[in-house]
Amino acid sequence: MPAYKPLSPEKLDEALQALSALPGATYAEAGSGYRAKDGTLAIVGSDTLTELLPDILQAYARRAPDVRFTTDLRGSSTAMPALSAGTSLIAPMGREAWQNDIDAFRQVKGYAPTRIRIAYASHGPRPDGKTPPAIYVNASNPVSGLTMEQVRRIFAAGADGGDIADWGQLQGAPHSDRSAPIHVYGARDDGGFGTAMRLSKLDGLPFSARYRSMASGKAILAAVAADPLAIGYATWMDAGDAPAGVRVLPLSKRQGSPYVLPAADGHRGEWPISYFFNVYVDARPEPGSGSRTAPEAKALLRFLLSDQGQSIIARHSREENGYLPLDSANLAEERAKVEAL
């Protein structure tokens, strides 16, 4: 395979100039980075934020009237490349950065981007908006829930406690016959959602040999609906995409904890496979003094995690993407991370 190298500053300027000439492109002028000549700051990121982020920036403008932004919200896949190239102040994403996103940033900068969680990504199950990533079983399956330890032992190979291969190994299993196999379905391990799930939710373990890779979330749920012995881990599902023959399986963080769903209630932070509205920032490590990031980015992050910022997020919770404010524990963690930047 060819050995790719980062572009030189001159070549990078040429590439950005070419991108700026494309129809509809709003990249900053070559050489100016995320700050335009008039001082406006560019933000490139997720198309799931087209209603929420402008509302937040409008409120922020009342607090900091001298700070102005332009937004280019065409998808999470645009966020990290723009942060890597220095053409976006922050990288707002409706998902976790995939490994290839992080590797590309590290190739350019020599260190990884810093992730700040801003809100929970969606809630459900619900018929009028996106349901967040969840584990599904056939609607006839009586299993009441799983712990995250059990999830890892079903979906991954080599988890502590040994693999769970048969329904009879679980309490409340659909078949008393201990040999009834668990049919495991999920996304492809191709650097996208499936890989990110494996790395962040399955402790980086390889998928089980029983794991059947599917092309899409709809394909996973169709397989689960048709198979009483199936279990599937699916990505965000649009309203109406989940067939009648499946249900979201409640989960718990650990043995003895209550089983919960990713519902819009006070227990949203207890859902153990939560995904987030994330903001990634360029925080260059500074020997002896932590890290260094743009002061405008830090100020905006403080606002996003402020009581006012979180209340704006709550007002948008019934929209299709349905972001929810963080609970007190997660909020305290992220505020501390921002102050350390």
C-alpha atoms as a PDB file:
ATOM      1  CA  MET A   1       0.000   0.000   0.000  1.00  0.00           C
ATOM      2  CA  PRO A   2       1.227   3.558  -0.649  1.00  0.00           C
ATOM      3  CA  ALA A   3       2.651   5.538   2.275  1.00  0.00           C
ATOM      4  CA  TYR A   4       0.531   8.686   2.494  1.00  0.00           C
ATOM      5  CA  LYS A   5       2.029  11.856   3.973  1.00  0.00           C
ATOM      6  CA  PRO A   6       0.395  15.085   5.212  1.00  0.00           C
ATOM      7  CA  LEU A   7       0.235  17.917   2.684  1.00  0.00           C
ATOM      8  CA  SER A   8       2.725  20.720   2.974  1.00  0.00           C
ATOM      9  CA  PRO A   9       1.251  24.099   4.014  1.00  0.00           C
ATOM     10  CA  GLU A  10       1.490  25.283   0.401  1.00  0.00           C
ATOM     11  CA  LYS A  11      -0.282  22.205  -0.974  1.00  0.00           C
ATOM     12  CA  LEU A  12      -2.901  22.413   1.773  1.00  0.00           C
ATOM     13  CA  ASP A  13      -3.651  26.024   0.806  1.00  0.00           C
ATOM     14  CA  GLU A  14      -4.024  24.950  -2.831  1.00  0.00           C
ATOM     15  CA  ALA A  15      -6.422  22.153  -1.850  1.00  0.00           C
ATOM     16  CA  LEU A  16      -8.552  24.454   0.310  1.00  0.00           C
ATOM     17  CA  GLN A  17      -8.692  26.989  -2.497  1.00  0.00           C
ATOM     18  CA  ALA A  18      -9.922  24.279  -4.864  1.00  0.00           C
ATOM     19  CA  LEU A  19     -12.571  23.208  -2.330  1.00  0.00           C
ATOM     20  CA  SER A  20     -13.729  26.783  -1.913  1.00  0.00           C
ATOM     21  CA  ALA A  21     -14.368  26.985  -5.645  1.00  0.00           C
ATOM     22  CA  LEU A  22     -16.844  24.077  -5.531  1.00  0.00           C
ATOM     23  CA  PRO A  23     -20.562  25.019  -5.802  1.00  0.00           C
ATOM     24  CA  GLY A  24     -22.108  25.464  -2.368  1.00  0.00           C
ATOM     25  CA  ALA A  25     -18.822  25.147  -0.495  1.00  0.00           C
ATOM     26  CA  THR A  26     -18.299  27.483   2.446  1.00  0.00           C
ATOM     27  CA  TYR A  27     -14.736  26.692   3.465  1.00  0.00           C
ATOM     28  CA  ALA A  28     -12.715  29.560   4.833  1.00  0.00           C
ATOM     29  CA  GLU A  29     -10.498  31.410   2.382  1.00  0.00           C
ATOM     30  CA  ALA A  30      -7.157  29.722   1.842  1.00  0.00           C
ATOM     31  CA  GLY A  31      -4.639  30.617   4.473  1.00  0.00           C
ATOM     32  CA  SER A  32      -7.163  32.123   6.898  1.00  0.00           C
ATOM     33  CA  GLY A  33      -8.032  28.923   8.784  1.00  0.00           C
ATOM     34  CA  TYR A  34     -11.360  28.938  10.635  1.00  0.00           C
ATOM     35  CA  ARG A  35     -11.215  32.735  11.075  1.00  0.00           C
ATOM     36  CA  ALA A  36     -12.359  34.728   8.026  1.00  0.00           C
ATOM     37  CA  LYS A  37     -10.930  38.159   7.196  1.00  0.00           C
ATOM     38  CA  ASP A  38     -13.887  39.845   8.908  1.00  0.00           C
ATOM     39  CA  GLY A  39     -13.276  37.828  12.102  1.00  0.00           C
ATOM     40  CA  THR A  40     -16.158  35.405  11.598  1.00  0.00           C
ATOM     41  CA  LEU A  41     -15.454  31.921  12.974  1.00  0.00           C
ATOM     42  CA  ALA A  42     -16.343  28.864  10.873  1.00  0.00           C
ATOM     43  CA  ILE A  43     -17.969  25.729  12.295  1.00  0.00           C
ATOM     44  CA  VAL A  44     -18.264  22.621  10.107  1.00  0.00           C
ATOM     45  CA  GLY A  45     -20.175  19.593  11.341  1.00  0.00           C
ATOM     46  CA  SER A  46     -23.202  17.357  11.706  1.00  0.00           C
ATOM     47  CA  ASP A  47     -26.430  17.812   9.754  1.00  0.00           C
ATOM     48  CA  THR A  48     -28.327  16.614  12.848  1.00  0.00           C
ATOM     49  CA  LEU A  49     -27.616  20.024  14.410  1.00  0.00           C
ATOM     50  CA  THR A  50     -29.262  22.223  11.766  1.00  0.00           C
ATOM     51  CA  GLU A  51     -32.003  23.314  14.182  1.00  0.00           C
ATOM     52  CA  LEU A  52     -30.239  23.061  17.535  1.00  0.00           C
ATOM     53  CA  LEU A  53     -26.852  24.682  16.853  1.00  0.00           C
ATOM     54  CA  PRO A  54     -28.152  27.928  15.273  1.00  0.00           C
ATOM     55  CA  ASP A  55     -30.434  28.393  18.297  1.00  0.00           C
ATOM     56  CA  ILE A  56     -27.477  27.916  20.656  1.00  0.00           C
ATOM     57  CA  LEU A  57     -25.248  30.293  18.677  1.00  0.00           C
ATOM     58  CA  GLN A  58     -27.971  32.936  18.623  1.00  0.00           C
ATOM     59  CA  ALA A  59     -28.206  32.777  22.417  1.00  0.00           C
ATOM     60  CA  TYR A  60     -24.417  32.835  22.701  1.00  0.00           C
ATOM     61  CA  ALA A  61     -24.301  35.972  20.545  1.00  0.00           C
ATOM     62  CA  ARG A  62     -26.319  37.822  23.198  1.00  0.00           C
ATOM     63  CA  ARG A  63     -23.626  36.951  25.729  1.00  0.00           C
ATOM     64  CA  ALA A  64     -20.675  37.603  23.388  1.00  0.00           C
ATOM     65  CA  PRO A  65     -21.930  40.073  20.727  1.00  0.00           C
ATOM     66  CA  ASP A  66     -18.461  40.572  19.242  1.00  0.00           C
ATOM     67  CA  VAL A  67     -18.164  36.884  18.302  1.00  0.00           C
ATOM     68  CA  ARG A  68     -19.792  35.797  15.032  1.00  0.00           C
ATOM     69  CA  PHE A  69     -20.038  32.379  13.431  1.00  0.00           C
ATOM     70  CA  THR A  70     -20.780  30.805  10.072  1.00  0.00           C
ATOM     71  CA  THR A  71     -21.974  27.197  10.015  1.00  0.00           C
ATOM     72  CA  ASP A  72     -21.654  24.466   7.398  1.00  0.00           C
ATOM     73  CA  LEU A  73     -23.703  21.553   8.759  1.00  0.00           C
ATOM     74  CA  ARG A  74     -23.643  18.887   6.065  1.00  0.00           C
ATOM     75  CA  GLY A  75     -22.692  15.827   8.082  1.00  0.00           C
ATOM     76  CA  SER A  76     -20.486  14.432  10.836  1.00  0.00           C
ATOM     77  CA  SER A  77     -18.126  13.084   8.193  1.00  0.00           C
ATOM     78  CA  THR A  78     -17.156  16.680   7.315  1.00  0.00           C
ATOM     79  CA  ALA A  79     -16.352  17.742  10.874  1.00  0.00           C
ATOM     80  CA  MET A  80     -13.052  16.025  11.603  1.00  0.00           C
ATOM     81  CA  PRO A  81     -11.442  16.738   8.211  1.00  0.00           C
ATOM     82  CA  ALA A  82     -12.238  20.431   8.708  1.00  0.00           C
ATOM     83  CA  LEU A  83     -10.805  20.381  12.241  1.00  0.00           C
ATOM     84  CA  SER A  84      -7.697  18.616  10.968  1.00  0.00           C
ATOM     85  CA  ALA A  85      -7.270  21.206   8.209  1.00  0.00           C
ATOM     86  CA  GLY A  86      -7.827  24.087  10.639  1.00  0.00           C
ATOM     87  CA  THR A  87     -10.910  25.319   8.745  1.00  0.00           C
ATOM     88  CA  SER A  88     -13.359  24.743  11.618  1.00  0.00           C
ATOM     89  CA  LEU A  89     -13.109  26.111  15.155  1.00  0.00           C
ATOM     90  CA  ILE A  90     -14.648  22.932  16.580  1.00  0.00           C
ATOM     91  CA  ALA A  91     -15.928  19.626  15.186  1.00  0.00           C
ATOM     92  CA  PRO A  92     -19.550  19.109  16.318  1.00  0.00           C
ATOM     93  CA  MET A  93     -20.671  15.552  15.622  1.00  0.00           C
ATOM     94  CA  GLY A  94     -23.841  13.545  16.185  1.00  0.00           C
ATOM     95  CA  ARG A  95     -21.758  10.423  16.803  1.00  0.00           C
ATOM     96  CA  GLU A  96     -18.378   9.383  18.106  1.00  0.00           C
ATOM     97  CA  ALA A  97     -15.427  10.022  15.837  1.00  0.00           C
ATOM     98  CA  TRP A  98     -14.562   6.820  14.031  1.00  0.00           C
ATOM     99  CA  GLN A  99     -11.039   5.452  14.258  1.00  0.00           C
ATOM    100  CA  ASN A 100     -10.163   6.608  10.748  1.00  0.00           C
ATOM    101  CA  ASP A 101     -11.285  10.156  11.751  1.00  0.00           C
ATOM    102  CA  ILE A 102      -8.944  10.103  14.735  1.00  0.00           C
ATOM    103  CA  ASP A 103      -6.084   8.526  12.800  1.00  0.00           C
ATOM    104  CA  ALA A 104      -6.334  11.190  10.079  1.00  0.00           C
ATOM    105  CA  PHE A 105      -6.270  13.996  12.671  1.00  0.00           C
ATOM    106  CA  ARG A 106      -3.293  12.420  14.417  1.00  0.00           C
ATOM    107  CA  GLN A 107      -1.483  12.076  11.075  1.00  0.00           C
ATOM    108  CA  VAL A 108      -1.738  15.840  10.578  1.00  0.00           C
ATOM    109  CA  LYS A 109      -1.314  17.077  14.157  1.00  0.00           C
ATOM    110  CA  GLY A 110       0.738  14.412  15.903  1.00  0.00           C
ATOM    111  CA  TYR A 111      -1.829  13.948  18.706  1.00  0.00           C
ATOM    112  CA  ALA A 112      -5.483  12.945  19.048  1.00  0.00           C
ATOM    113  CA  PRO A 113      -8.427  15.393  19.134  1.00  0.00           C
ATOM    114  CA  THR A 114     -10.115  16.033  22.486  1.00  0.00           C
ATOM    115  CA  ARG A 115     -13.726  14.930  22.856  1.00  0.00           C
ATOM    116  CA  ILE A 116     -16.292  16.845  24.931  1.00  0.00           C
ATOM    117  CA  ARG A 117     -19.769  15.355  25.379  1.00  0.00           C
ATOM    118  CA  ILE A 118     -22.527  17.973  25.119  1.00  0.00           C
ATOM    119  CA  ALA A 119     -25.836  16.056  25.102  1.00  0.00           C
ATOM    120  CA  TYR A 120     -27.303  12.580  24.792  1.00  0.00           C
ATOM    121  CA  ALA A 121     -27.998  11.641  21.180  1.00  0.00           C
ATOM    122  CA  SER A 122     -31.715  10.981  20.865  1.00  0.00           C
ATOM    123  CA  HIS A 123     -34.071   8.882  22.972  1.00  0.00           C
ATOM    124  CA  GLY A 124     -36.636   6.178  22.468  1.00  0.00           C
ATOM    125  CA  PRO A 125     -38.063   3.924  21.355  1.00  0.00           C
ATOM    126  CA  ARG A 126     -40.482   6.436  19.825  1.00  0.00           C
ATOM    127  CA  PRO A 127     -42.647   6.560  16.706  1.00  0.00           C
ATOM    128  CA  ASP A 128     -42.028  10.232  15.879  1.00  0.00           C
ATOM    129  CA  GLY A 129     -38.244  10.524  15.799  1.00  0.00           C
ATOM    130  CA  LYS A 130     -34.938   8.682  15.749  1.00  0.00           C
ATOM    131  CA  THR A 131     -34.343   5.910  18.263  1.00  0.00           C
ATOM    132  CA  PRO A 132     -30.685   5.842  19.369  1.00  0.00           C
ATOM    133  CA  PRO A 133     -28.429   2.818  18.896  1.00  0.00           C
ATOM    134  CA  ALA A 134     -29.867  -0.074  20.850  1.00  0.00           C
ATOM    135  CA  ILE A 135     -29.981  -3.827  21.218  1.00  0.00           C
ATOM    136  CA  TYR A 136     -33.058  -5.504  19.789  1.00  0.00           C
ATOM    137  CA  VAL A 137     -34.596  -8.942  20.246  1.00  0.00           C
ATOM    138  CA  ASN A 138     -37.519 -10.652  18.585  1.00  0.00           C
ATOM    139  CA  ALA A 139     -40.837  -9.398  19.967  1.00  0.00           C
ATOM    140  CA  SER A 140     -41.640 -12.931  21.222  1.00  0.00           C
ATOM    141  CA  ASN A 141     -38.460 -13.109  23.300  1.00  0.00           C
ATOM    142  CA  PRO A 142     -39.312 -12.956  27.056  1.00  0.00           C
ATOM    143  CA  VAL A 143     -35.816 -11.978  28.258  1.00  0.00           C
ATOM    144  CA  SER A 144     -36.294  -8.954  30.527  1.00  0.00           C
ATOM    145  CA  GLY A 145     -32.882  -7.370  29.984  1.00  0.00           C
ATOM    146  CA  LEU A 146     -29.117  -7.781  29.894  1.00  0.00           C
ATOM    147  CA  THR A 147     -26.171  -6.375  31.792  1.00  0.00           C
ATOM    148  CA  MET A 148     -23.299  -4.876  29.826  1.00  0.00           C
ATOM    149  CA  GLU A 149     -21.151  -7.809  30.903  1.00  0.00           C
ATOM    150  CA  GLN A 150     -23.643 -10.143  29.226  1.00  0.00           C
ATOM    151  CA  VAL A 151     -23.752  -7.943  26.115  1.00  0.00           C
ATOM    152  CA  ARG A 152     -19.975  -8.223  25.752  1.00  0.00           C
ATOM    153  CA  ARG A 153     -20.077 -11.977  26.308  1.00  0.00           C
ATOM    154  CA  ILE A 154     -22.736 -12.353  23.572  1.00  0.00           C
ATOM    155  CA  PHE A 155     -21.391  -9.996  20.910  1.00  0.00           C
ATOM    156  CA  ALA A 156     -17.638 -10.313  21.477  1.00  0.00           C
ATOM    157  CA  ALA A 157     -15.117 -13.107  21.734  1.00  0.00           C
ATOM    158  CA  GLY A 158     -12.868 -13.451  24.779  1.00  0.00           C
ATOM    159  CA  ALA A 159     -14.838 -11.345  27.268  1.00  0.00           C
ATOM    160  CA  ASP A 160     -14.368 -11.940  30.986  1.00  0.00           C
ATOM    161  CA  GLY A 161     -16.601 -14.773  32.153  1.00  0.00           C
ATOM    162  CA  GLY A 162     -16.539 -16.583  28.831  1.00  0.00           C
ATOM    163  CA  ASP A 163     -18.708 -16.360  25.752  1.00  0.00           C
ATOM    164  CA  ILE A 164     -22.487 -16.691  26.003  1.00  0.00           C
ATOM    165  CA  ALA A 165     -23.544 -18.729  22.990  1.00  0.00           C
ATOM    166  CA  ASP A 166     -26.907 -20.221  24.001  1.00  0.00           C
ATOM    167  CA  TRP A 167     -30.145 -18.693  25.258  1.00  0.00           C
ATOM    168  CA  GLY A 168     -30.235 -21.258  28.064  1.00  0.00           C
ATOM    169  CA  GLN A 169     -27.313 -19.455  29.712  1.00  0.00           C
ATOM    170  CA  LEU A 170     -29.563 -16.454  30.397  1.00  0.00           C
ATOM    171  CA  GLN A 171     -32.320 -16.132  32.964  1.00  0.00           C
ATOM    172  CA  GLY A 172     -35.752 -15.840  31.347  1.00  0.00           C
ATOM    173  CA  ALA A 173     -34.485 -17.334  28.089  1.00  0.00           C
ATOM    174  CA  PRO A 174     -37.006 -18.064  25.317  1.00  0.00           C
ATOM    175  CA  HIS A 175     -36.109 -21.753  25.253  1.00  0.00           C
ATOM    176  CA  SER A 176     -35.537 -24.114  28.167  1.00  0.00           C
ATOM    177  CA  ASP A 177     -33.227 -26.140  25.939  1.00  0.00           C
ATOM    178  CA  ARG A 178     -29.759 -24.875  26.876  1.00  0.00           C
ATOM    179  CA  SER A 179     -28.549 -25.717  23.387  1.00  0.00           C
ATOM    180  CA  ALA A 180     -30.825 -23.170  21.628  1.00  0.00           C
ATOM    181  CA  PRO A 181     -28.180 -20.916  20.015  1.00  0.00           C
ATOM    182  CA  ILE A 182     -28.166 -17.130  20.126  1.00  0.00           C
ATOM    183  CA  HIS A 183     -28.110 -15.732  16.594  1.00  0.00           C
ATOM    184  CA  VAL A 184     -26.120 -12.479  16.737  1.00  0.00           C
ATOM    185  CA  TYR A 185     -26.564  -9.699  14.168  1.00  0.00           C
ATOM    186  CA  GLY A 186     -24.858  -6.331  13.827  1.00  0.00           C
ATOM    187  CA  ALA A 187     -23.140  -3.793  11.612  1.00  0.00           C
ATOM    188  CA  ARG A 188     -20.080  -4.497   9.521  1.00  0.00           C
ATOM    189  CA  ASP A 189     -16.658  -4.102  11.107  1.00  0.00           C
ATOM    190  CA  ASP A 190     -15.505  -1.800   8.307  1.00  0.00           C
ATOM    191  CA  GLY A 191     -14.275   1.305  10.132  1.00  0.00           C
ATOM    192  CA  GLY A 192     -17.758   2.817  10.534  1.00  0.00           C
ATOM    193  CA  PHE A 193     -20.475   2.361  13.148  1.00  0.00           C
ATOM    194  CA  GLY A 194     -19.796  -1.333  13.729  1.00  0.00           C
ATOM    195  CA  THR A 195     -16.102  -0.757  14.408  1.00  0.00           C
ATOM    196  CA  ALA A 196     -16.793   2.253  16.642  1.00  0.00           C
ATOM    197  CA  MET A 197     -19.318   0.193  18.605  1.00  0.00           C
ATOM    198  CA  ARG A 198     -16.875  -2.661  19.028  1.00  0.00           C
ATOM    199  CA  LEU A 199     -14.105  -0.353  20.250  1.00  0.00           C
ATOM    200  CA  SER A 200     -16.195   1.777  22.630  1.00  0.00           C
ATOM    201  CA  LYS A 201     -18.919  -0.599  23.867  1.00  0.00           C
ATOM    202  CA  LEU A 202     -17.228  -4.018  23.661  1.00  0.00           C
ATOM    203  CA  ASP A 203     -13.880  -2.952  25.147  1.00  0.00           C
ATOM    204  CA  GLY A 204     -12.174  -3.330  21.772  1.00  0.00           C
ATOM    205  CA  LEU A 205     -12.673  -7.095  21.723  1.00  0.00           C
ATOM    206  CA  PRO A 206     -13.148  -8.876  18.394  1.00  0.00           C
ATOM    207  CA  PHE A 207     -16.672  -9.802  17.388  1.00  0.00           C
ATOM    208  CA  SER A 208     -17.858 -13.306  18.172  1.00  0.00           C
ATOM    209  CA  ALA A 209     -17.489 -15.962  15.487  1.00  0.00           C
ATOM    210  CA  ARG A 210     -21.295 -16.168  15.631  1.00  0.00           C
ATOM    211  CA  TYR A 211     -21.649 -12.472  14.738  1.00  0.00           C
ATOM    212  CA  ARG A 212     -23.389 -11.969  11.397  1.00  0.00           C
ATOM    213  CA  SER A 213     -22.530  -8.686   9.694  1.00  0.00           C
ATOM    214  CA  MET A 214     -25.364  -6.855   7.976  1.00  0.00           C
ATOM    215  CA  ALA A 215     -25.355  -3.951   5.519  1.00  0.00           C
ATOM    216  CA  SER A 216     -27.698  -1.626   7.435  1.00  0.00           C
ATOM    217  CA  GLY A 217     -29.720  -1.115  10.584  1.00  0.00           C
ATOM    218  CA  LYS A 218     -32.915  -1.974   8.704  1.00  0.00           C
ATOM    219  CA  ALA A 219     -31.350  -5.261   7.564  1.00  0.00           C
ATOM    220  CA  ILE A 220     -30.356  -6.096  11.147  1.00  0.00           C
ATOM    221  CA  LEU A 221     -33.885  -5.505  12.439  1.00  0.00           C
ATOM    222  CA  ALA A 222     -35.455  -7.429   9.569  1.00  0.00           C
ATOM    223  CA  ALA A 223     -33.277 -10.416  10.504  1.00  0.00           C
ATOM    224  CA  VAL A 224     -34.216 -10.116  14.194  1.00  0.00           C
ATOM    225  CA  ALA A 225     -37.936  -9.832  13.350  1.00  0.00           C
ATOM    226  CA  ALA A 226     -37.767 -13.050  11.319  1.00  0.00           C
ATOM    227  CA  ASP A 227     -35.723 -15.047  13.844  1.00  0.00           C
ATOM    228  CA  PRO A 228     -37.021 -15.863  17.376  1.00  0.00           C
ATOM    229  CA  LEU A 229     -33.474 -16.752  18.447  1.00  0.00           C
ATOM    230  CA  ALA A 230     -31.943 -13.487  17.238  1.00  0.00           C
ATOM    231  CA  ILE A 231     -30.375 -10.505  18.954  1.00  0.00           C
ATOM    232  CA  GLY A 232     -29.111  -7.445  17.088  1.00  0.00           C
ATOM    233  CA  TYR A 233     -27.172  -4.258  17.765  1.00  0.00           C
ATOM    234  CA  ALA A 234     -28.472  -1.543  15.423  1.00  0.00           C
ATOM    235  CA  THR A 235     -27.569   2.055  14.737  1.00  0.00           C
ATOM    236  CA  TRP A 236     -29.968   5.039  14.867  1.00  0.00           C
ATOM    237  CA  MET A 237     -33.355   4.060  13.455  1.00  0.00           C
ATOM    238  CA  ASP A 238     -35.680   6.591  11.850  1.00  0.00           C
ATOM    239  CA  ALA A 239     -39.334   6.704  12.868  1.00  0.00           C
ATOM    240  CA  GLY A 240     -41.219   3.846  11.243  1.00  0.00           C
ATOM    241  CA  ASP A 241     -38.110   1.886  10.223  1.00  0.00           C
ATOM    242  CA  ALA A 242     -38.276  -0.659  13.042  1.00  0.00           C
ATOM    243  CA  PRO A 243     -40.574  -3.579  12.106  1.00  0.00           C
ATOM    244  CA  ALA A 244     -43.368  -4.716  14.411  1.00  0.00           C
ATOM    245  CA  GLY A 245     -41.575  -7.981  15.199  1.00  0.00           C
ATOM    246  CA  VAL A 246     -38.778  -6.483  17.314  1.00  0.00           C
ATOM    247  CA  ARG A 247     -38.408  -4.667  20.622  1.00  0.00           C
ATOM    248  CA  VAL A 248     -35.629  -2.655  22.256  1.00  0.00           C
ATOM    249  CA  LEU A 249     -34.052  -4.671  25.062  1.00  0.00           C
ATOM    250  CA  PRO A 250     -33.561  -2.900  28.419  1.00  0.00           C
ATOM    251  CA  LEU A 251     -29.961  -2.856  29.669  1.00  0.00           C
ATOM    252  CA  SER A 252     -28.124  -2.247  32.921  1.00  0.00           C
ATOM    253  CA  LYS A 253     -24.600  -1.024  33.542  1.00  0.00           C
ATOM    254  CA  ARG A 254     -23.790  -3.834  35.965  1.00  0.00           C
ATOM    255  CA  GLN A 255     -25.270  -6.786  37.831  1.00  0.00           C
ATOM    256  CA  GLY A 256     -27.821  -5.553  40.380  1.00  0.00           C
ATOM    257  CA  SER A 257     -28.496  -2.239  38.629  1.00  0.00           C
ATOM    258  CA  PRO A 258     -31.984  -1.658  37.197  1.00  0.00           C
ATOM    259  CA  TYR A 259     -32.682  -2.349  33.545  1.00  0.00           C
ATOM    260  CA  VAL A 260     -33.416   0.876  31.653  1.00  0.00           C
ATOM    261  CA  LEU A 261     -34.345   2.060  28.163  1.00  0.00           C
ATOM    262  CA  PRO A 262     -32.892   5.190  26.485  1.00  0.00           C
ATOM    263  CA  ALA A 263     -36.061   7.095  27.324  1.00  0.00           C
ATOM    264  CA  ALA A 264     -36.475  10.861  27.757  1.00  0.00           C
ATOM    265  CA  ASP A 265     -36.679  10.712  31.525  1.00  0.00           C
ATOM    266  CA  GLY A 266     -34.422  11.261  34.478  1.00  0.00           C
ATOM    267  CA  HIS A 267     -32.574   7.983  33.865  1.00  0.00           C
ATOM    268  CA  ARG A 268     -31.223   8.736  30.384  1.00  0.00           C
ATOM    269  CA  GLY A 269     -27.676   8.812  31.730  1.00  0.00           C
ATOM    270  CA  GLU A 270     -28.088   5.254  33.022  1.00  0.00           C
ATOM    271  CA  TRP A 271     -28.445   3.820  29.500  1.00  0.00           C
ATOM    272  CA  PRO A 272     -25.094   2.003  29.254  1.00  0.00           C
ATOM    273  CA  ILE A 273     -24.604   2.314  25.484  1.00  0.00           C
ATOM    274  CA  SER A 274     -25.341   6.033  25.253  1.00  0.00           C
ATOM    275  CA  TYR A 275     -24.154   8.023  22.256  1.00  0.00           C
ATOM    276  CA  PHE A 276     -23.703  11.769  22.382  1.00  0.00           C
ATOM    277  CA  PHE A 277     -23.686  15.085  20.620  1.00  0.00           C
ATOM    278  CA  ASN A 278     -19.905  15.407  20.775  1.00  0.00           C
ATOM    279  CA  VAL A 279     -17.664  18.359  20.134  1.00  0.00           C
ATOM    280  CA  TYR A 280     -14.066  17.559  19.221  1.00  0.00           C
ATOM    281  CA  VAL A 281     -11.462  20.270  19.633  1.00  0.00           C
ATOM    282  CA  ASP A 282      -7.834  20.733  18.716  1.00  0.00           C
ATOM    283  CA  ALA A 283      -6.139  20.810  22.121  1.00  0.00           C
ATOM    284  CA  ARG A 284      -2.406  20.728  21.490  1.00  0.00           C
ATOM    285  CA  PRO A 285      -0.502  19.150  24.411  1.00  0.00           C
ATOM    286  CA  GLU A 286       1.748  21.648  26.171  1.00  0.00           C
ATOM    287  CA  PRO A 287       4.605  20.185  28.254  1.00  0.00           C
ATOM    288  CA  GLY A 288       4.113  21.084  31.898  1.00  0.00           C
ATOM    289  CA  SER A 289       0.880  23.017  31.312  1.00  0.00           C
ATOM    290  CA  GLY A 290      -1.714  20.526  30.131  1.00  0.00           C
ATOM    291  CA  SER A 291      -3.074  21.421  26.699  1.00  0.00           C
ATOM    292  CA  ARG A 292      -3.789  24.473  24.616  1.00  0.00           C
ATOM    293  CA  THR A 293      -6.910  25.132  22.595  1.00  0.00           C
ATOM    294  CA  ALA A 294      -8.399  28.208  20.955  1.00  0.00           C
ATOM    295  CA  PRO A 295      -9.937  30.503  23.616  1.00  0.00           C
ATOM    296  CA  GLU A 296     -13.019  30.974  21.403  1.00  0.00           C
ATOM    297  CA  ALA A 297     -13.558  27.212  21.399  1.00  0.00           C
ATOM    298  CA  LYS A 298     -13.224  26.984  25.169  1.00  0.00           C
ATOM    299  CA  ALA A 299     -15.667  29.856  25.707  1.00  0.00           C
ATOM    300  CA  LEU A 300     -18.235  28.248  23.395  1.00  0.00           C
ATOM    301  CA  LEU A 301     -17.861  24.880  25.132  1.00  0.00           C
ATOM    302  CA  ARG A 302     -18.453  26.543  28.493  1.00  0.00           C
ATOM    303  CA  PHE A 303     -21.693  27.998  27.135  1.00  0.00           C
ATOM    304  CA  LEU A 304     -22.830  24.669  25.653  1.00  0.00           C
ATOM    305  CA  LEU A 305     -22.365  23.052  29.069  1.00  0.00           C
ATOM    306  CA  SER A 306     -23.842  25.959  31.031  1.00  0.00           C
ATOM    307  CA  ASP A 307     -27.318  25.774  32.548  1.00  0.00           C
ATOM    308  CA  GLN A 308     -28.548  28.045  29.759  1.00  0.00           C
ATOM    309  CA  GLY A 309     -26.964  25.944  27.030  1.00  0.00           C
ATOM    310  CA  GLN A 310     -28.390  22.735  28.461  1.00  0.00           C
ATOM    311  CA  SER A 311     -31.864  24.293  28.749  1.00  0.00           C
ATOM    312  CA  ILE A 312     -31.753  25.175  25.036  1.00  0.00           C
ATOM    313  CA  ILE A 313     -30.916  21.548  24.279  1.00  0.00           C
ATOM    314  CA  ALA A 314     -33.906  20.442  26.380  1.00  0.00           C
ATOM    315  CA  ARG A 315     -36.231  22.660  24.316  1.00  0.00           C
ATOM    316  CA  HIS A 316     -35.203  20.744  21.187  1.00  0.00           C
ATOM    317  CA  SER A 317     -35.666  17.271  22.684  1.00  0.00           C
ATOM    318  CA  ARG A 318     -38.857  16.465  20.748  1.00  0.00           C
ATOM    319  CA  GLU A 319     -37.306  17.072  17.353  1.00  0.00           C
ATOM    320  CA  GLU A 320     -36.405  14.209  15.033  1.00  0.00           C
ATOM    321  CA  ASN A 321     -32.859  13.917  16.390  1.00  0.00           C
ATOM    322  CA  GLY A 322     -34.027  14.614  19.926  1.00  0.00           C
ATOM    323  CA  TYR A 323     -30.863  15.554  21.827  1.00  0.00           C
ATOM    324  CA  LEU A 324     -31.237  15.552  25.616  1.00  0.00           C
ATOM    325  CA  PRO A 325     -29.260  17.515  28.238  1.00  0.00           C
ATOM    326  CA  LEU A 326     -26.655  15.653  30.259  1.00  0.00           C
ATOM    327  CA  ASP A 327     -27.395  14.431  33.759  1.00  0.00           C
ATOM    328  CA  SER A 328     -25.580  16.043  36.684  1.00  0.00           C
ATOM    329  CA  ALA A 329     -22.793  13.442  36.832  1.00  0.00           C
ATOM    330  CA  ASN A 330     -21.925  13.556  33.119  1.00  0.00           C
ATOM    331  CA  LEU A 331     -22.248  17.350  33.110  1.00  0.00           C
ATOM    332  CA  ALA A 332     -19.759  17.715  35.966  1.00  0.00           C
ATOM    333  CA  GLU A 333     -17.290  15.431  34.150  1.00  0.00           C
ATOM    334  CA  GLU A 334     -17.444  17.405  30.910  1.00  0.00           C
ATOM    335  CA  ARG A 335     -17.229  20.805  32.624  1.00  0.00           C
ATOM    336  CA  ALA A 336     -14.064  19.655  34.392  1.00  0.00           C
ATOM    337  CA  LYS A 337     -12.572  18.514  31.061  1.00  0.00           C
ATOM    338  CA  VAL A 338     -13.276  21.918  29.497  1.00  0.00           C
ATOM    339  CA  GLU A 339     -11.659  23.780  32.374  1.00  0.00           C
ATOM    340  CA  ALA A 340      -8.561  21.621  31.934  1.00  0.00           C
ATOM    341  CA  LEU A 341      -8.153  22.643  28.275  1.00  0.00           C
END
